[in-house]
PDB file of N, CA and C in Angstrom:
ATOM      1  N   MET A   1      24.861  15.447  45.836  1.00  0.00           N
ATOM      2  CA  MET A   1      23.657  15.999  44.706  1.00  0.00           C
ATOM      3  C   MET A   1      22.368  15.223  45.751  1.00  0.00           C
ATOM      4  N   ALA A   2      21.062  16.385  45.533  1.00  0.00           N
ATOM      5  CA  ALA A   2      20.120  15.550  45.959  1.00  0.00           C
ATOM      6  C   ALA A   2      19.171  14.619  44.473  1.00  0.00           C
ATOM      7  N   ASP A   3      18.953  13.504  45.305  1.00  0.00           N
ATOM      8  CA  ASP A   3      18.360  12.906  44.142  1.00  0.00           C
ATOM      9  C   ASP A   3      16.701  13.582  43.591  1.00  0.00           C
ATOM     10  N   LYS A   4      16.385  12.582  42.564  1.00  0.00           N
ATOM     11  CA  LYS A   4      15.052  13.095  41.537  1.00  0.00           C
ATOM     12  C   LYS A   4      13.873  13.553  42.554  1.00  0.00           C
ATOM     13  N   SER A   5      13.553  12.790  43.701  1.00  0.00           N
ATOM     14  CA  SER A   5      12.620  12.847  44.458  1.00  0.00           C
ATOM     15  C   SER A   5      12.693  13.990  45.855  1.00  0.00           C
ATOM     16  N   ASP A   6      13.862  14.973  45.923  1.00  0.00           N
ATOM     17  CA  ASP A   6      14.160  15.618  46.797  1.00  0.00           C
ATOM     18  C   ASP A   6      13.474  16.869  46.038  1.00  0.00           C
ATOM     19  N   ARG A   7      13.327  16.831  44.556  1.00  0.00           N
ATOM     20  CA  ARG A   7      13.118  18.322  43.853  1.00  0.00           C
ATOM     21  C   ARG A   7      11.394  18.346  44.114  1.00  0.00           C
ATOM     22  N   HIS A   8      11.267  19.915  44.363  1.00  0.00           N
ATOM     23  CA  HIS A   8       9.922  20.100  44.177  1.00  0.00           C
ATOM     24  C   HIS A   8       9.693  20.339  42.500  1.00  0.00           C
ATOM     25  N   TRP A   9       8.503  20.015  42.109  1.00  0.00           N
ATOM     26  CA  TRP A   9       8.091  19.717  40.489  1.00  0.00           C
ATOM     27  C   TRP A   9       6.730  20.598  40.422  1.00  0.00           C
ATOM     28  N   CYS A  10       6.086  20.996  39.697  1.00  0.00           N
ATOM     29  CA  CYS A  10       5.357  22.314  39.573  1.00  0.00           C
ATOM     30  C   CYS A  10       4.603  21.412  38.386  1.00  0.00           C
ATOM     31  N   VAL A  11       3.303  21.098  38.517  1.00  0.00           N
ATOM     32  CA  VAL A  11       2.451  20.722  37.728  1.00  0.00           C
ATOM     33  C   VAL A  11       1.436  21.538  37.489  1.00  0.00           C
ATOM     34  N   ILE A  12       1.062  22.182  36.126  1.00  0.00           N
ATOM     35  CA  ILE A  12       0.244  22.753  35.698  1.00  0.00           C
ATOM     36  C   ILE A  12      -1.301  22.193  35.233  1.00  0.00           C
ATOM     37  N   ALA A  13      -1.884  22.389  35.984  1.00  0.00           N
ATOM     38  CA  ALA A  13      -3.460  21.468  35.226  1.00  0.00           C
ATOM     39  C   ALA A  13      -3.586  21.707  33.463  1.00  0.00           C
ATOM     40  N   ARG A  14      -4.348  21.032  33.351  1.00  0.00           N
ATOM     41  CA  ARG A  14      -4.819  21.622  31.842  1.00  0.00           C
ATOM     42  C   ARG A  14      -5.888  22.300  31.683  1.00  0.00           C
ATOM     43  N   ASN A  15      -6.048  22.351  30.419  1.00  0.00           N
ATOM     44  CA  ASN A  15      -7.077  24.032  30.243  1.00  0.00           C
ATOM     45  C   ASN A  15      -8.370  23.391  30.776  1.00  0.00           C
ATOM     46  N   SER A  16      -8.510  21.925  29.962  1.00  0.00           N
ATOM     47  CA  SER A  16      -9.905  21.094  30.113  1.00  0.00           C
ATOM     48  C   SER A  16     -10.010  21.072  31.982  1.00  0.00           C
ATOM     49  N   THR A  17      -9.249  21.114  32.847  1.00  0.00           N
ATOM     50  CA  THR A  17      -9.434  21.073  34.054  1.00  0.00           C
ATOM     51  C   THR A  17      -9.598  22.090  34.823  1.00  0.00           C
ATOM     52  N   ILE A  18      -9.154  23.006  35.009  1.00  0.00           N
ATOM     53  CA  ILE A  18      -9.168  24.509  34.912  1.00  0.00           C
ATOM     54  C   ILE A  18     -10.540  25.337  34.334  1.00  0.00           C
ATOM     55  N   ARG A  19     -11.373  24.896  33.454  1.00  0.00           N
ATOM     56  CA  ARG A  19     -12.567  24.936  32.830  1.00  0.00           C
ATOM     57  C   ARG A  19     -13.178  24.745  33.609  1.00  0.00           C
ATOM     58  N   ARG A  20     -13.467  22.972  33.891  1.00  0.00           N
ATOM     59  CA  ARG A  20     -14.461  22.630  34.695  1.00  0.00           C
ATOM     60  C   ARG A  20     -14.597  23.139  35.977  1.00  0.00           C
ATOM     61  N   MET A  21     -13.226  23.242  36.654  1.00  0.00           N
ATOM     62  CA  MET A  21     -13.501  24.169  37.817  1.00  0.00           C
ATOM     63  C   MET A  21     -14.111  25.313  38.046  1.00  0.00           C
ATOM     64  N   LEU A  22     -13.494  26.349  36.941  1.00  0.00           N
ATOM     65  CA  LEU A  22     -14.403  27.618  36.607  1.00  0.00           C
ATOM     66  C   LEU A  22     -15.770  27.873  36.696  1.00  0.00           C
ATOM     67  N   LEU A  23     -16.539  26.489  36.130  1.00  0.00           N
ATOM     68  CA  LEU A  23     -17.672  26.212  35.584  1.00  0.00           C
ATOM     69  C   LEU A  23     -18.281  25.980  36.775  1.00  0.00           C
ATOM     70  N   HIS A  24     -17.917  25.624  38.305  1.00  0.00           N
ATOM     71  CA  HIS A  24     -18.618  25.229  39.084  1.00  0.00           C
ATOM     72  C   HIS A  24     -18.431  26.260  40.106  1.00  0.00           C
ATOM     73  N   LEU A  25     -17.747  27.205  40.179  1.00  0.00           N
ATOM     74  CA  LEU A  25     -17.735  28.104  40.895  1.00  0.00           C
ATOM     75  C   LEU A  25     -19.102  29.078  41.391  1.00  0.00           C
ATOM     76  N   ASP A  26     -19.235  29.407  42.612  1.00  0.00           N
ATOM     77  CA  ASP A  26     -20.501  29.866  42.494  1.00  0.00           C
ATOM     78  C   ASP A  26     -19.683  31.483  42.785  1.00  0.00           C
ATOM     79  N   TYR A  27     -20.063  32.219  41.824  1.00  0.00           N
ATOM     80  CA  TYR A  27     -19.443  33.597  41.472  1.00  0.00           C
ATOM     81  C   TYR A  27     -20.037  34.770  42.807  1.00  0.00           C
ATOM     82  N   GLN A  28     -21.654  34.221  42.926  1.00  0.00           N
ATOM     83  CA  GLN A  28     -22.218  35.434  44.027  1.00  0.00           C
ATOM     84  C   GLN A  28     -21.520  35.255  45.026  1.00  0.00           C
ATOM     85  N   GLN A  29     -20.303  34.221  45.884  1.00  0.00           N
ATOM     86  CA  GLN A  29     -20.309  33.978  47.383  1.00  0.00           C
ATOM     87  C   GLN A  29     -18.893  35.074  46.861  1.00  0.00           C
ATOM     88  N   TYR A  30     -18.287  34.839  45.979  1.00  0.00           N
ATOM     89  CA  TYR A  30     -17.075  35.478  45.981  1.00  0.00           C
ATOM     90  C   TYR A  30     -17.361  37.024  45.194  1.00  0.00           C
ATOM     91  N   SER A  31     -18.145  37.359  45.122  1.00  0.00           N
ATOM     92  CA  SER A  31     -18.502  38.919  44.310  1.00  0.00           C
ATOM     93  C   SER A  31     -18.514  39.757  45.715  1.00  0.00           C
ATOM     94  N   PHE A  32     -18.163  41.127  45.428  1.00  0.00           N
ATOM     95  CA  PHE A  32     -18.444  42.073  46.274  1.00  0.00           C
ATOM     96  C   PHE A  32     -18.231  43.356  45.742  1.00  0.00           C
ATOM     97  N   GLU A  33     -18.761  44.494  46.143  1.00  0.00           N
ATOM     98  CA  GLU A  33     -18.821  45.938  45.919  1.00  0.00           C
ATOM     99  C   GLU A  33     -17.934  46.687  46.653  1.00  0.00           C
ATOM    100  N   ILE A  34     -16.770  47.431  45.565  1.00  0.00           N
ATOM    101  CA  ILE A  34     -16.274  48.535  45.795  1.00  0.00           C
ATOM    102  C   ILE A  34     -16.548  50.018  45.566  1.00  0.00           C
ATOM    103  N   GLU A  35     -16.673  50.583  46.437  1.00  0.00           N
ATOM    104  CA  GLU A  35     -16.972  51.911  46.165  1.00  0.00           C
ATOM    105  C   GLU A  35     -15.641  53.012  46.306  1.00  0.00           C
ATOM    106  N   ALA A  36     -15.669  53.927  45.072  1.00  0.00           N
ATOM    107  CA  ALA A  36     -14.697  54.555  45.304  1.00  0.00           C
ATOM    108  C   ALA A  36     -14.926  56.057  45.729  1.00  0.00           C
ATOM    109  N   LEU A  37     -13.957  56.691  46.164  1.00  0.00           N
ATOM    110  CA  LEU A  37     -14.651  57.926  46.906  1.00  0.00           C
ATOM    111  C   LEU A  37     -14.129  58.972  45.200  1.00  0.00           C
ATOM    112  N   PRO A  38     -15.084  59.867  45.207  1.00  0.00           N
ATOM    113  CA  PRO A  38     -14.150  60.837  43.939  1.00  0.00           C
ATOM    114  C   PRO A  38     -13.001  61.476  43.829  1.00  0.00           C
ATOM    115  N   GLY A  39     -12.649  61.044  42.413  1.00  0.00           N
ATOM    116  CA  GLY A  39     -11.089  61.255  42.170  1.00  0.00           C
ATOM    117  C   GLY A  39     -10.359  59.965  42.330  1.00  0.00           C
ATOM    118  N   GLU A  40     -10.561  58.936  43.361  1.00  0.00           N
ATOM    119  CA  GLU A  40      -9.965  57.755  43.885  1.00  0.00           C
ATOM    120  C   GLU A  40      -9.380  56.842  42.267  1.00  0.00           C
ATOM    121  N   THR A  41      -8.161  56.113  42.295  1.00  0.00           N
ATOM    122  CA  THR A  41      -8.238  55.352  41.366  1.00  0.00           C
ATOM    123  C   THR A  41      -7.913  53.975  41.918  1.00  0.00           C
ATOM    124  N   ILE A  42      -8.918  53.367  41.024  1.00  0.00           N
ATOM    125  CA  ILE A  42      -9.079  51.741  41.753  1.00  0.00           C
ATOM    126  C   ILE A  42      -8.539  51.034  40.282  1.00  0.00           C
ATOM    127  N   ALA A  43      -7.489  50.040  40.701  1.00  0.00           N
ATOM    128  CA  ALA A  43      -6.781  49.382  39.705  1.00  0.00           C
ATOM    129  C   ALA A  43      -6.899  47.788  39.668  1.00  0.00           C
ATOM    130  N   THR A  44      -7.599  47.071  38.912  1.00  0.00           N
ATOM    131  CA  THR A  44      -7.710  45.565  38.930  1.00  0.00           C
ATOM    132  C   THR A  44      -7.447  45.027  37.381  1.00  0.00           C
ATOM    133  N   ASP A  45      -6.841  43.974  38.168  1.00  0.00           N
ATOM    134  CA  ASP A  45      -6.233  42.909  36.796  1.00  0.00           C
ATOM    135  C   ASP A  45      -6.249  43.978  35.831  1.00  0.00           C
ATOM    136  N   GLY A  46      -5.067  44.540  35.883  1.00  0.00           N
ATOM    137  CA  GLY A  46      -4.376  45.591  35.488  1.00  0.00           C
ATOM    138  C   GLY A  46      -4.765  46.186  34.320  1.00  0.00           C
ATOM    139  N   LYS A  47      -6.387  46.639  34.818  1.00  0.00           N
ATOM    140  CA  LYS A  47      -7.304  48.032  34.347  1.00  0.00           C
ATOM    141  C   LYS A  47      -7.174  48.445  35.536  1.00  0.00           C
ATOM    142  N   VAL A  48      -7.423  49.711  34.713  1.00  0.00           N
ATOM    143  CA  VAL A  48      -7.885  51.084  35.894  1.00  0.00           C
ATOM    144  C   VAL A  48      -9.161  51.365  35.666  1.00  0.00           C
ATOM    145  N   LEU A  49      -9.887  51.967  36.844  1.00  0.00           N
ATOM    146  CA  LEU A  49     -11.362  52.855  36.924  1.00  0.00           C
ATOM    147  C   LEU A  49     -10.993  54.084  37.487  1.00  0.00           C
ATOM    148  N   ARG A  50     -11.379  54.683  36.860  1.00  0.00           N
ATOM    149  CA  ARG A  50     -11.450  56.369  37.361  1.00  0.00           C
ATOM    150  C   ARG A  50     -12.656  57.344  37.352  1.00  0.00           C
TER     151      ARG A  50
END
């Protein structure tokens, strides 16, 4: 049996840490436009644009 040091542990960052990271992001750098053809459906983050 493997000891504790061989296991992979997942540590989730605290809300305050995630908030600080998001506040420092440059959203203009990661934004882009999506052009849909007439009648085409685009799904983003569980939402659907028609």
